[in-house]
Structures are given as structure tokens and as C-alpha cells.
Amino acid sequence: MHLKKIALIGIVVIWGAYSWYSQKPITYEGRGQMVREQPLQQAASRQPFLFKDKYTIVPLADFAIRARVLSSKRYRFDDESDLAPVDLLLGWGVMSDDAVLSKLELSQSGRWSHWRCKVLPVPREQIEQNAANMHLIPANEDIDKSIKSVKTGNVIKLRGYLVKVTRSDGWKWQSSLSRNDTGNGSCEVIFVTDFDTLI
């Protein structure tokens, strides 16, 4: 019995260490901005289509972004989780730089992202205009798995559409079309057709 307890404690310690290491944020100290380019948005190239037999997806714009993952959040129980089980808080420009990020506390909850700091490392508008909480609708299971596997600090690239989603019971969800807005309705809702983890 004593040996079993020791073995169990060992397993718990190893599992805890693995879980901590696997979730440890990736950092790039001294490398500056990891992503310098802005997200790319163009006129929508696809017509509305039915998804999962019950959602009408209306592309509002073609969208592509390379960005640093600042945080990720899984959702399972809200209306949106059937479509977008993961939100990623993504950053580019100054919000992909460890020198800035190390001064900020970032979090996600209730489909929102939040930040705070004691002293602003850069002007507030640079923080707000170079990061966004993005609701990701994976086009297929492979993309879904890729999104769920990212770690904080990864640099990712995705392509797809900023969309409006409707359902026959009147439920709807619509993307922002601006990187400069804040508050209610400012998040991007993206139908993701390509997703790659670069670093």
C-alpha cells in the first residue's frame, strides 16, 4: 500500500509538471515585435452558404492575419460554442513585443478580452488597435484541432472570412469589420479556412 501511494504521488507530480510546462507561455525576449504587418481585409469573395445544416454564413470580408497568440479560451456551454469552441486573443505590432506584453495583464472571459497595467508601456490606442479577441469558426475538424492545440506565445497565420451568422430561430452573431473599435460588437467572428502555427 505504501508503494502504491508513492507511485500515485509520483504520477501526480509528473502530470502536474507536464501540465505546467505544456501551458507555459512562449516568450521571445529581446526580439522586439514578432509580427509587424497589419491584418489584411478585402471585399468578400464568397457568397452566403449553409454550415452544419442550420447556420447561414454570410461572408462580409475576406480576412488574413499573422499574429501572436496572447491568450486562448475554450467555451463549451454558450450558444456560440457549437460554432466557435475557442477564442484567441491575438496581437500584432507593439502587441507582439515581449517588452510591451510583460507590462500587461491579459485575460479572457464571457467572450470578452481584458487588459490592465500599472503604467502604460505604450499609448492606450496602440494597445487597443494592435490586438483583438477573435471568435474562430473552424471550417473542418483538422482546423479545429489546430486551433485547440496552440499555446500562448505561438505565432499563427490564418485565412478566412469575417462573417455574419444567422439561425432560423432568430439567433445571430456578427463580426466587427474594424480593428480600431472597442466595446460591445468589436470582436471579429471569423470562418477559418486555413490555420497554421508558424512558431
N, C-alpha and C. Protein backbone atom coordinates (compact mmCIF):
# COMPACT_ATOMS: atom_id res chain seq x y z
N MET A 1 0.83 -1.21 0.00
CA MET A 1 0.00 0.00 0.00
C MET A 1 0.87 1.26 0.00
N HIS A 2 1.93 1.20 0.80
CA HIS A 2 2.84 2.34 0.88
C HIS A 2 3.47 2.63 -0.48
N LEU A 3 3.89 1.58 -1.19
CA LEU A 3 4.50 1.74 -2.51
C LEU A 3 3.49 2.29 -3.51
N LYS A 4 2.25 1.88 -3.40
CA LYS A 4 1.20 2.37 -4.30
C LYS A 4 0.98 3.87 -4.10
N LYS A 5 1.01 4.30 -2.84
CA LYS A 5 0.84 5.73 -2.55
C LYS A 5 1.99 6.55 -3.13
N ILE A 6 3.20 6.02 -2.97
CA ILE A 6 4.37 6.72 -3.51
C ILE A 6 4.27 6.81 -5.03
N ALA A 7 3.87 5.69 -5.66
CA ALA A 7 3.73 5.68 -7.12
C ALA A 7 2.66 6.67 -7.57
N LEU A 8 1.55 6.73 -6.83
CA LEU A 8 0.47 7.65 -7.17
C LEU A 8 0.92 9.10 -7.03
N ILE A 9 1.64 9.39 -5.95
CA ILE A 9 2.17 10.74 -5.76
C ILE A 9 3.13 11.10 -6.89
N GLY A 10 3.96 10.15 -7.28
CA GLY A 10 4.90 10.38 -8.38
C GLY A 10 4.18 10.70 -9.67
N ILE A 11 3.12 9.95 -9.95
CA ILE A 11 2.34 10.19 -11.17
C ILE A 11 1.72 11.59 -11.15
N VAL A 12 1.16 11.97 -10.00
CA VAL A 12 0.53 13.28 -9.86
C VAL A 12 1.56 14.40 -10.07
N VAL A 13 2.75 14.23 -9.49
CA VAL A 13 3.80 15.25 -9.63
C VAL A 13 4.25 15.37 -11.08
N ILE A 14 4.45 14.22 -11.73
CA ILE A 14 4.88 14.23 -13.14
C ILE A 14 3.81 14.87 -14.01
N TRP A 15 2.56 14.51 -13.78
CA TRP A 15 1.47 15.08 -14.58
C TRP A 15 1.35 16.59 -14.35
N GLY A 16 1.51 17.00 -13.09
CA GLY A 16 1.46 18.43 -12.80
C GLY A 16 2.57 19.19 -13.49
N ALA A 17 3.78 18.62 -13.46
CA ALA A 17 4.92 19.27 -14.12
C ALA A 17 4.70 19.35 -15.62
N TYR A 18 4.17 18.27 -16.21
CA TYR A 18 3.90 18.27 -17.65
C TYR A 18 2.85 19.31 -18.01
N SER A 19 1.78 19.37 -17.21
CA SER A 19 0.70 20.33 -17.48
C SER A 19 1.22 21.75 -17.39
N TRP A 20 2.05 22.02 -16.37
CA TRP A 20 2.62 23.37 -16.22
C TRP A 20 3.50 23.71 -17.41
N TYR A 21 4.36 22.77 -17.81
CA TYR A 21 5.28 23.04 -18.90
C TYR A 21 4.54 23.22 -20.22
N SER A 22 3.52 22.38 -20.46
CA SER A 22 2.81 22.44 -21.73
C SER A 22 2.00 23.73 -21.87
N GLN A 23 1.64 24.36 -20.72
CA GLN A 23 0.88 25.59 -20.77
C GLN A 23 1.76 26.83 -20.56
N LYS A 24 3.03 26.62 -20.32
CA LYS A 24 3.94 27.75 -20.10
C LYS A 24 4.01 28.62 -21.34
N PRO A 25 3.76 29.93 -21.21
CA PRO A 25 3.80 30.80 -22.39
C PRO A 25 5.17 30.80 -23.07
N ILE A 26 5.16 30.89 -24.39
CA ILE A 26 6.38 31.02 -25.16
C ILE A 26 6.76 32.49 -25.19
N THR A 27 8.04 32.78 -24.90
CA THR A 27 8.49 34.17 -24.90
C THR A 27 9.65 34.34 -25.89
N TYR A 28 9.88 35.58 -26.29
CA TYR A 28 10.91 35.90 -27.28
C TYR A 28 11.66 37.15 -26.82
N GLU A 29 12.22 37.07 -25.63
CA GLU A 29 12.87 38.24 -25.02
C GLU A 29 13.96 38.81 -25.93
N GLY A 30 13.88 40.11 -26.12
CA GLY A 30 14.90 40.80 -26.90
C GLY A 30 14.69 40.77 -28.40
N ARG A 31 13.64 40.12 -28.86
CA ARG A 31 13.42 40.01 -30.30
C ARG A 31 12.48 41.07 -30.85
N GLY A 32 11.94 41.92 -29.99
CA GLY A 32 11.08 43.00 -30.46
C GLY A 32 9.74 42.50 -30.98
N GLN A 33 9.21 43.19 -31.95
CA GLN A 33 7.90 42.85 -32.50
C GLN A 33 8.02 41.57 -33.34
N MET A 34 7.26 40.56 -32.96
CA MET A 34 7.30 39.28 -33.67
C MET A 34 6.48 39.33 -34.96
N VAL A 35 5.51 40.23 -35.01
CA VAL A 35 4.67 40.39 -36.20
C VAL A 35 4.53 41.89 -36.46
N ARG A 36 5.02 42.33 -37.59
CA ARG A 36 4.98 43.76 -37.90
C ARG A 36 3.82 44.16 -38.80
N GLU A 37 3.35 43.23 -39.63
CA GLU A 37 2.30 43.60 -40.59
C GLU A 37 0.93 43.63 -39.93
N GLN A 38 0.06 44.45 -40.48
CA GLN A 38 -1.32 44.56 -40.03
C GLN A 38 -2.18 43.46 -40.67
N PRO A 39 -3.31 43.12 -40.04
CA PRO A 39 -4.23 42.18 -40.67
C PRO A 39 -4.69 42.69 -42.04
N LEU A 40 -4.98 41.77 -42.94
CA LEU A 40 -5.40 42.11 -44.30
C LEU A 40 -6.89 41.83 -44.46
N GLN A 41 -7.63 42.83 -44.91
CA GLN A 41 -9.07 42.71 -45.10
C GLN A 41 -9.44 43.22 -46.48
N GLN A 42 -10.23 42.43 -47.23
CA GLN A 42 -10.64 42.79 -48.58
C GLN A 42 -12.12 42.46 -48.77
N ALA A 43 -12.67 42.92 -49.87
CA ALA A 43 -14.07 42.63 -50.18
C ALA A 43 -14.31 41.12 -50.22
N ALA A 44 -15.46 40.70 -49.73
CA ALA A 44 -15.77 39.27 -49.65
C ALA A 44 -15.80 38.64 -51.03
N SER A 45 -15.17 37.48 -51.15
CA SER A 45 -15.10 36.77 -52.43
C SER A 45 -16.01 35.55 -52.48
N ARG A 46 -16.78 35.32 -51.42
CA ARG A 46 -17.64 34.13 -51.36
C ARG A 46 -19.07 34.53 -51.04
N GLN A 47 -20.00 33.80 -51.61
CA GLN A 47 -21.42 34.03 -51.38
C GLN A 47 -21.87 33.34 -50.08
N PRO A 48 -23.02 33.73 -49.52
CA PRO A 48 -23.54 33.06 -48.32
C PRO A 48 -23.69 31.56 -48.53
N PHE A 49 -23.52 30.79 -47.43
CA PHE A 49 -23.62 29.34 -47.52
C PHE A 49 -24.14 28.77 -46.22
N LEU A 50 -24.66 27.53 -46.29
CA LEU A 50 -25.19 26.85 -45.11
C LEU A 50 -24.08 26.04 -44.46
N PHE A 51 -24.02 26.09 -43.13
CA PHE A 51 -22.97 25.40 -42.39
C PHE A 51 -23.60 24.58 -41.27
N LYS A 52 -23.19 23.34 -41.14
CA LYS A 52 -23.72 22.42 -40.13
C LYS A 52 -25.24 22.26 -40.24
N ASP A 53 -25.76 22.46 -41.43
CA ASP A 53 -27.18 22.25 -41.73
C ASP A 53 -28.14 23.21 -41.03
N LYS A 54 -27.63 24.18 -40.26
CA LYS A 54 -28.56 25.07 -39.55
C LYS A 54 -28.10 26.51 -39.45
N TYR A 55 -26.87 26.80 -39.84
CA TYR A 55 -26.36 28.16 -39.76
C TYR A 55 -26.16 28.72 -41.17
N THR A 56 -26.65 29.93 -41.40
CA THR A 56 -26.35 30.63 -42.65
C THR A 56 -25.16 31.54 -42.40
N ILE A 57 -24.09 31.28 -43.13
CA ILE A 57 -22.86 32.06 -43.01
C ILE A 57 -22.83 33.08 -44.14
N VAL A 58 -22.77 34.37 -43.78
CA VAL A 58 -22.70 35.44 -44.76
C VAL A 58 -21.31 36.09 -44.68
N PRO A 59 -20.41 35.81 -45.63
CA PRO A 59 -19.11 36.46 -45.62
C PRO A 59 -19.24 37.98 -45.81
N LEU A 60 -18.64 38.74 -44.92
CA LEU A 60 -18.66 40.21 -45.00
C LEU A 60 -17.36 40.75 -45.59
N ALA A 61 -16.27 39.98 -45.43
CA ALA A 61 -14.97 40.40 -45.96
C ALA A 61 -14.03 39.20 -45.94
N ASP A 62 -13.12 39.15 -46.91
CA ASP A 62 -12.00 38.21 -46.83
C ASP A 62 -11.04 38.73 -45.78
N PHE A 63 -10.42 37.81 -45.03
CA PHE A 63 -9.58 38.24 -43.91
C PHE A 63 -8.39 37.31 -43.78
N ALA A 64 -7.21 37.89 -43.55
CA ALA A 64 -5.99 37.12 -43.29
C ALA A 64 -5.18 37.84 -42.23
N ILE A 65 -4.53 37.07 -41.38
CA ILE A 65 -3.75 37.66 -40.30
C ILE A 65 -2.61 36.73 -39.92
N ARG A 66 -1.46 37.33 -39.64
CA ARG A 66 -0.37 36.65 -38.93
C ARG A 66 -0.27 37.37 -37.60
N ALA A 67 -0.26 36.64 -36.50
CA ALA A 67 -0.33 37.28 -35.19
C ALA A 67 0.24 36.38 -34.11
N ARG A 68 0.51 36.99 -32.99
CA ARG A 68 0.98 36.27 -31.81
C ARG A 68 -0.22 35.93 -30.92
N VAL A 69 -0.26 34.72 -30.42
CA VAL A 69 -1.33 34.31 -29.51
C VAL A 69 -1.02 34.86 -28.12
N LEU A 70 -1.88 35.76 -27.66
CA LEU A 70 -1.69 36.38 -26.34
C LEU A 70 -2.44 35.60 -25.26
N SER A 71 -3.50 34.93 -25.67
CA SER A 71 -4.30 34.14 -24.73
C SER A 71 -5.28 33.31 -25.54
N SER A 72 -5.74 32.20 -24.97
CA SER A 72 -6.79 31.40 -25.61
C SER A 72 -7.80 30.99 -24.55
N LYS A 73 -9.03 30.81 -24.99
CA LYS A 73 -10.10 30.47 -24.05
C LYS A 73 -11.07 29.49 -24.71
N ARG A 74 -11.31 28.35 -24.04
CA ARG A 74 -12.27 27.36 -24.53
C ARG A 74 -13.66 27.67 -23.98
N TYR A 75 -14.68 27.47 -24.84
CA TYR A 75 -16.08 27.63 -24.43
C TYR A 75 -16.84 26.37 -24.81
N ARG A 76 -17.74 25.95 -23.94
CA ARG A 76 -18.47 24.70 -24.16
C ARG A 76 -19.99 24.82 -24.01
N PHE A 77 -20.46 25.85 -23.32
CA PHE A 77 -21.87 25.84 -22.91
C PHE A 77 -22.69 27.02 -23.42
N ASP A 78 -22.09 27.96 -24.15
CA ASP A 78 -22.89 29.07 -24.66
C ASP A 78 -23.40 28.75 -26.07
N ASP A 79 -24.29 29.59 -26.60
CA ASP A 79 -24.84 29.37 -27.93
C ASP A 79 -23.75 29.30 -28.99
N GLU A 80 -22.71 30.08 -28.80
CA GLU A 80 -21.67 30.20 -29.81
C GLU A 80 -20.70 29.03 -29.85
N SER A 81 -20.65 28.24 -28.78
CA SER A 81 -19.64 27.19 -28.68
C SER A 81 -19.83 26.08 -29.72
N ASP A 82 -21.03 25.90 -30.22
CA ASP A 82 -21.26 24.92 -31.28
C ASP A 82 -20.51 25.31 -32.55
N LEU A 83 -20.33 26.60 -32.73
CA LEU A 83 -19.60 27.12 -33.90
C LEU A 83 -18.14 27.42 -33.58
N ALA A 84 -17.91 28.14 -32.51
CA ALA A 84 -16.57 28.62 -32.17
C ALA A 84 -16.21 28.18 -30.76
N PRO A 85 -15.63 26.98 -30.61
CA PRO A 85 -15.28 26.50 -29.27
C PRO A 85 -14.08 27.19 -28.65
N VAL A 86 -13.33 27.96 -29.44
CA VAL A 86 -12.14 28.64 -28.94
C VAL A 86 -12.13 30.09 -29.42
N ASP A 87 -11.83 31.00 -28.49
CA ASP A 87 -11.49 32.38 -28.83
C ASP A 87 -9.99 32.54 -28.65
N LEU A 88 -9.35 33.22 -29.58
CA LEU A 88 -7.95 33.58 -29.43
C LEU A 88 -7.83 35.09 -29.31
N LEU A 89 -7.11 35.54 -28.30
CA LEU A 89 -6.71 36.93 -28.21
C LEU A 89 -5.40 37.04 -28.97
N LEU A 90 -5.40 37.79 -30.06
CA LEU A 90 -4.25 37.87 -30.95
C LEU A 90 -3.66 39.28 -30.94
N GLY A 91 -2.33 39.34 -31.08
CA GLY A 91 -1.65 40.62 -31.10
C GLY A 91 -0.66 40.71 -32.24
N TRP A 92 -0.46 41.93 -32.72
CA TRP A 92 0.50 42.21 -33.78
C TRP A 92 1.12 43.58 -33.47
N GLY A 93 2.11 43.97 -34.23
CA GLY A 93 2.77 45.24 -33.95
C GLY A 93 3.29 45.29 -32.53
N VAL A 94 3.05 46.39 -31.82
CA VAL A 94 3.55 46.52 -30.44
C VAL A 94 3.01 45.43 -29.52
N MET A 95 1.85 44.87 -29.87
CA MET A 95 1.26 43.82 -29.04
C MET A 95 1.78 42.43 -29.39
N SER A 96 2.89 42.38 -30.11
CA SER A 96 3.60 41.11 -30.30
C SER A 96 5.01 41.19 -29.72
N ASP A 97 5.26 42.24 -28.94
CA ASP A 97 6.59 42.52 -28.40
C ASP A 97 6.61 42.20 -26.90
N ASP A 98 7.54 41.32 -26.48
CA ASP A 98 7.64 40.96 -25.07
C ASP A 98 7.84 42.17 -24.16
N ALA A 99 8.55 43.19 -24.65
CA ALA A 99 8.81 44.37 -23.82
C ALA A 99 7.51 45.07 -23.43
N VAL A 100 6.52 45.02 -24.31
CA VAL A 100 5.20 45.59 -24.02
C VAL A 100 4.34 44.60 -23.24
N LEU A 101 4.30 43.37 -23.71
CA LEU A 101 3.41 42.37 -23.11
C LEU A 101 3.77 42.07 -21.66
N SER A 102 5.04 42.16 -21.32
CA SER A 102 5.47 41.88 -19.95
C SER A 102 4.91 42.89 -18.95
N LYS A 103 4.44 44.02 -19.44
CA LYS A 103 3.88 45.07 -18.56
C LYS A 103 2.36 44.97 -18.44
N LEU A 104 1.75 44.05 -19.18
CA LEU A 104 0.29 43.96 -19.22
C LEU A 104 -0.21 42.66 -18.59
N GLU A 105 -1.38 42.73 -17.98
CA GLU A 105 -2.10 41.54 -17.54
C GLU A 105 -3.26 41.34 -18.51
N LEU A 106 -3.29 40.18 -19.17
CA LEU A 106 -4.30 39.89 -20.18
C LEU A 106 -5.16 38.72 -19.73
N SER A 107 -6.45 38.78 -20.05
CA SER A 107 -7.35 37.68 -19.70
C SER A 107 -8.54 37.66 -20.65
N GLN A 108 -9.26 36.53 -20.62
CA GLN A 108 -10.48 36.36 -21.42
C GLN A 108 -11.56 35.74 -20.55
N SER A 109 -12.79 36.18 -20.76
CA SER A 109 -13.94 35.55 -20.10
C SER A 109 -15.21 36.04 -20.76
N GLY A 110 -16.21 35.17 -20.82
CA GLY A 110 -17.51 35.56 -21.35
C GLY A 110 -17.46 36.10 -22.77
N ARG A 111 -16.54 35.60 -23.58
CA ARG A 111 -16.34 36.04 -24.98
C ARG A 111 -15.76 37.44 -25.08
N TRP A 112 -15.20 37.93 -23.99
CA TRP A 112 -14.52 39.23 -23.97
C TRP A 112 -13.06 39.02 -23.63
N SER A 113 -12.23 39.99 -24.01
CA SER A 113 -10.85 40.03 -23.54
C SER A 113 -10.67 41.28 -22.69
N HIS A 114 -9.71 41.21 -21.78
CA HIS A 114 -9.47 42.31 -20.84
C HIS A 114 -7.97 42.51 -20.67
N TRP A 115 -7.58 43.74 -20.44
CA TRP A 115 -6.18 44.02 -20.13
C TRP A 115 -6.12 45.10 -19.06
N ARG A 116 -5.01 45.08 -18.32
CA ARG A 116 -4.77 46.12 -17.34
C ARG A 116 -3.28 46.22 -17.09
N CYS A 117 -2.86 47.34 -16.55
CA CYS A 117 -1.45 47.54 -16.24
C CYS A 117 -1.34 48.66 -15.22
N LYS A 118 -0.21 48.72 -14.54
CA LYS A 118 0.03 49.79 -13.58
C LYS A 118 0.45 51.06 -14.31
N VAL A 119 1.32 50.90 -15.30
CA VAL A 119 1.80 52.03 -16.10
C VAL A 119 1.73 51.62 -17.56
N LEU A 120 1.15 52.46 -18.41
CA LEU A 120 1.04 52.13 -19.83
C LEU A 120 2.42 52.04 -20.46
N PRO A 121 2.75 50.88 -21.08
CA PRO A 121 4.05 50.76 -21.74
C PRO A 121 4.10 51.48 -23.08
N VAL A 122 2.94 51.64 -23.70
CA VAL A 122 2.76 52.39 -24.95
C VAL A 122 1.41 53.08 -24.85
N PRO A 123 1.10 54.06 -25.70
CA PRO A 123 -0.21 54.69 -25.62
C PRO A 123 -1.37 53.69 -25.71
N ARG A 124 -2.44 53.98 -25.00
CA ARG A 124 -3.60 53.09 -24.94
C ARG A 124 -4.11 52.69 -26.33
N GLU A 125 -4.18 53.64 -27.25
CA GLU A 125 -4.72 53.32 -28.57
C GLU A 125 -3.87 52.30 -29.31
N GLN A 126 -2.56 52.28 -29.05
CA GLN A 126 -1.71 51.27 -29.68
C GLN A 126 -2.01 49.88 -29.14
N ILE A 127 -2.30 49.79 -27.86
CA ILE A 127 -2.69 48.51 -27.27
C ILE A 127 -4.01 48.04 -27.88
N GLU A 128 -4.98 48.94 -27.95
CA GLU A 128 -6.32 48.55 -28.40
C GLU A 128 -6.39 48.31 -29.90
N GLN A 129 -5.53 48.95 -30.68
CA GLN A 129 -5.59 48.82 -32.13
C GLN A 129 -4.66 47.73 -32.68
N ASN A 130 -3.86 47.12 -31.82
CA ASN A 130 -2.94 46.08 -32.26
C ASN A 130 -3.19 44.74 -31.58
N ALA A 131 -4.40 44.57 -31.09
CA ALA A 131 -4.82 43.30 -30.50
C ALA A 131 -6.33 43.18 -30.64
N ALA A 132 -6.81 41.95 -30.72
CA ALA A 132 -8.26 41.73 -30.84
C ALA A 132 -8.61 40.34 -30.34
N ASN A 133 -9.76 40.25 -29.70
CA ASN A 133 -10.33 38.96 -29.31
C ASN A 133 -11.10 38.42 -30.50
N MET A 134 -10.71 37.26 -30.99
CA MET A 134 -11.29 36.73 -32.22
C MET A 134 -12.00 35.41 -31.97
N HIS A 135 -13.28 35.36 -32.38
CA HIS A 135 -14.10 34.15 -32.28
C HIS A 135 -13.87 33.34 -33.55
N LEU A 136 -13.31 32.14 -33.42
CA LEU A 136 -12.89 31.37 -34.59
C LEU A 136 -13.83 30.20 -34.86
N ILE A 137 -14.42 30.21 -36.05
CA ILE A 137 -15.29 29.13 -36.50
C ILE A 137 -14.48 28.25 -37.44
N PRO A 138 -14.03 27.07 -37.00
CA PRO A 138 -13.21 26.23 -37.88
C PRO A 138 -14.05 25.61 -38.99
N ALA A 139 -13.51 25.63 -40.21
CA ALA A 139 -14.24 25.09 -41.36
C ALA A 139 -14.29 23.57 -41.35
N ASN A 140 -13.34 22.92 -40.64
CA ASN A 140 -13.32 21.46 -40.59
C ASN A 140 -12.62 20.99 -39.32
N GLU A 141 -12.59 19.67 -39.11
CA GLU A 141 -12.04 19.11 -37.87
C GLU A 141 -10.54 19.34 -37.74
N ASP A 142 -9.80 19.28 -38.84
CA ASP A 142 -8.35 19.50 -38.78
C ASP A 142 -8.03 20.90 -38.29
N ILE A 143 -8.76 21.89 -38.80
CA ILE A 143 -8.55 23.27 -38.36
C ILE A 143 -8.95 23.42 -36.89
N ASP A 144 -10.03 22.77 -36.50
CA ASP A 144 -10.48 22.80 -35.12
C ASP A 144 -9.38 22.28 -34.19
N LYS A 145 -8.76 21.15 -34.55
CA LYS A 145 -7.69 20.58 -33.73
C LYS A 145 -6.48 21.52 -33.68
N SER A 146 -6.16 22.13 -34.80
CA SER A 146 -5.01 23.04 -34.84
C SER A 146 -5.23 24.25 -33.94
N ILE A 147 -6.43 24.81 -33.98
CA ILE A 147 -6.74 25.96 -33.13
C ILE A 147 -6.65 25.59 -31.66
N LYS A 148 -7.19 24.41 -31.32
CA LYS A 148 -7.19 23.98 -29.91
C LYS A 148 -5.80 23.63 -29.40
N SER A 149 -4.85 23.41 -30.27
CA SER A 149 -3.52 22.99 -29.85
C SER A 149 -2.54 24.15 -29.63
N VAL A 150 -2.94 25.38 -29.97
CA VAL A 150 -1.98 26.49 -29.85
C VAL A 150 -1.69 26.83 -28.39
N LYS A 151 -0.52 27.39 -28.17
CA LYS A 151 -0.10 27.85 -26.84
C LYS A 151 0.05 29.35 -26.86
N THR A 152 -0.09 29.96 -25.69
CA THR A 152 0.19 31.38 -25.55
C THR A 152 1.63 31.65 -25.97
N GLY A 153 1.81 32.58 -26.89
CA GLY A 153 3.13 32.90 -27.41
C GLY A 153 3.37 32.40 -28.81
N ASN A 154 2.62 31.37 -29.25
CA ASN A 154 2.75 30.91 -30.62
C ASN A 154 2.48 32.05 -31.60
N VAL A 155 3.15 32.03 -32.73
CA VAL A 155 2.82 32.91 -33.84
C VAL A 155 2.05 32.07 -34.85
N ILE A 156 0.85 32.54 -35.20
CA ILE A 156 -0.02 31.76 -36.08
C ILE A 156 -0.35 32.58 -37.33
N LYS A 157 -0.85 31.88 -38.32
CA LYS A 157 -1.35 32.52 -39.54
C LYS A 157 -2.70 31.89 -39.86
N LEU A 158 -3.69 32.73 -40.16
CA LEU A 158 -4.98 32.19 -40.56
C LEU A 158 -5.57 32.99 -41.70
N ARG A 159 -6.43 32.32 -42.44
CA ARG A 159 -7.19 32.96 -43.52
C ARG A 159 -8.64 32.52 -43.40
N GLY A 160 -9.54 33.38 -43.89
CA GLY A 160 -10.94 33.02 -43.87
C GLY A 160 -11.80 34.23 -44.19
N TYR A 161 -12.94 34.32 -43.51
CA TYR A 161 -13.89 35.39 -43.77
C TYR A 161 -14.41 35.97 -42.47
N LEU A 162 -14.50 37.29 -42.40
CA LEU A 162 -15.28 37.92 -41.35
C LEU A 162 -16.74 37.72 -41.73
N VAL A 163 -17.56 37.25 -40.79
CA VAL A 163 -18.89 36.77 -41.17
C VAL A 163 -20.00 37.29 -40.26
N LYS A 164 -21.19 37.21 -40.81
CA LYS A 164 -22.43 37.31 -40.05
C LYS A 164 -23.05 35.92 -40.08
N VAL A 165 -23.48 35.42 -38.91
CA VAL A 165 -24.06 34.09 -38.81
C VAL A 165 -25.49 34.23 -38.30
N THR A 166 -26.42 33.56 -38.97
CA THR A 166 -27.82 33.57 -38.52
C THR A 166 -28.33 32.14 -38.42
N ARG A 167 -29.39 31.99 -37.63
CA ARG A 167 -30.04 30.70 -37.43
C ARG A 167 -31.55 30.90 -37.55
N SER A 168 -32.27 29.87 -37.90
CA SER A 168 -33.70 30.01 -38.20
C SER A 168 -34.52 30.49 -37.01
N ASP A 169 -34.01 30.31 -35.78
CA ASP A 169 -34.77 30.75 -34.60
C ASP A 169 -34.54 32.23 -34.27
N GLY A 170 -33.80 32.94 -35.14
CA GLY A 170 -33.57 34.36 -34.94
C GLY A 170 -32.23 34.71 -34.32
N TRP A 171 -31.50 33.71 -33.83
CA TRP A 171 -30.18 33.96 -33.24
C TRP A 171 -29.22 34.45 -34.33
N LYS A 172 -28.37 35.41 -33.98
CA LYS A 172 -27.38 35.88 -34.95
C LYS A 172 -26.10 36.31 -34.24
N TRP A 173 -25.04 36.36 -35.00
CA TRP A 173 -23.71 36.71 -34.49
C TRP A 173 -22.98 37.41 -35.62
N GLN A 174 -22.50 38.61 -35.40
CA GLN A 174 -21.91 39.38 -36.50
C GLN A 174 -20.55 39.93 -36.11
N SER A 175 -19.62 39.85 -37.04
CA SER A 175 -18.26 40.31 -36.84
C SER A 175 -18.14 41.82 -36.94
N SER A 176 -17.19 42.35 -36.21
CA SER A 176 -16.72 43.70 -36.46
C SER A 176 -15.95 43.70 -37.78
N LEU A 177 -15.92 44.84 -38.43
CA LEU A 177 -15.14 44.99 -39.65
C LEU A 177 -14.00 46.00 -39.46
N SER A 178 -13.70 46.32 -38.22
CA SER A 178 -12.67 47.32 -37.92
C SER A 178 -11.73 46.79 -36.85
N ARG A 179 -10.46 47.16 -36.92
CA ARG A 179 -9.51 46.83 -35.86
C ARG A 179 -9.42 47.96 -34.84
N ASN A 180 -10.11 49.03 -35.08
CA ASN A 180 -9.98 50.22 -34.23
C ASN A 180 -11.12 50.41 -33.25
N ASP A 181 -12.15 49.56 -33.31
CA ASP A 181 -13.28 49.72 -32.41
C ASP A 181 -13.03 48.99 -31.09
N THR A 182 -13.78 49.37 -30.06
CA THR A 182 -13.70 48.73 -28.75
C THR A 182 -15.11 48.55 -28.21
N GLY A 183 -15.24 47.74 -27.17
CA GLY A 183 -16.53 47.56 -26.53
C GLY A 183 -17.41 46.54 -27.24
N ASN A 184 -18.71 46.61 -26.97
CA ASN A 184 -19.66 45.63 -27.49
C ASN A 184 -19.65 45.62 -29.02
N GLY A 185 -19.55 44.42 -29.60
CA GLY A 185 -19.57 44.28 -31.05
C GLY A 185 -18.23 44.48 -31.72
N SER A 186 -17.17 44.65 -30.95
CA SER A 186 -15.87 44.96 -31.54
C SER A 186 -15.03 43.73 -31.87
N CYS A 187 -15.49 42.55 -31.47
CA CYS A 187 -14.72 41.33 -31.74
C CYS A 187 -14.94 40.86 -33.17
N GLU A 188 -13.95 40.14 -33.68
CA GLU A 188 -14.06 39.54 -35.01
C GLU A 188 -14.67 38.14 -34.89
N VAL A 189 -15.61 37.83 -35.77
CA VAL A 189 -16.14 36.48 -35.92
C VAL A 189 -15.62 35.97 -37.26
N ILE A 190 -14.77 34.95 -37.22
CA ILE A 190 -14.04 34.53 -38.41
C ILE A 190 -14.36 33.08 -38.75
N PHE A 191 -14.80 32.86 -39.97
CA PHE A 191 -14.91 31.50 -40.51
C PHE A 191 -13.54 31.15 -41.06
N VAL A 192 -12.84 30.23 -40.40
CA VAL A 192 -11.43 29.97 -40.67
C VAL A 192 -11.28 28.83 -41.68
N THR A 193 -10.69 29.14 -42.82
CA THR A 193 -10.48 28.14 -43.87
C THR A 193 -9.05 27.61 -43.91
N ASP A 194 -8.10 28.35 -43.35
CA ASP A 194 -6.70 27.91 -43.26
C ASP A 194 -6.13 28.38 -41.94
N PHE A 195 -5.37 27.49 -41.28
CA PHE A 195 -4.78 27.84 -40.00
C PHE A 195 -3.45 27.12 -39.85
N ASP A 196 -2.39 27.89 -39.55
CA ASP A 196 -1.06 27.30 -39.37
C ASP A 196 -0.38 27.93 -38.17
N THR A 197 0.30 27.09 -37.39
CA THR A 197 1.16 27.58 -36.32
C THR A 197 2.56 27.70 -36.89
N LEU A 198 3.11 28.91 -36.91
CA LEU A 198 4.40 29.18 -37.53
C LEU A 198 5.56 29.00 -36.55
N ILE A 199 5.37 29.44 -35.33
CA ILE A 199 6.39 29.31 -34.28
C ILE A 199 5.73 28.81 -33.00
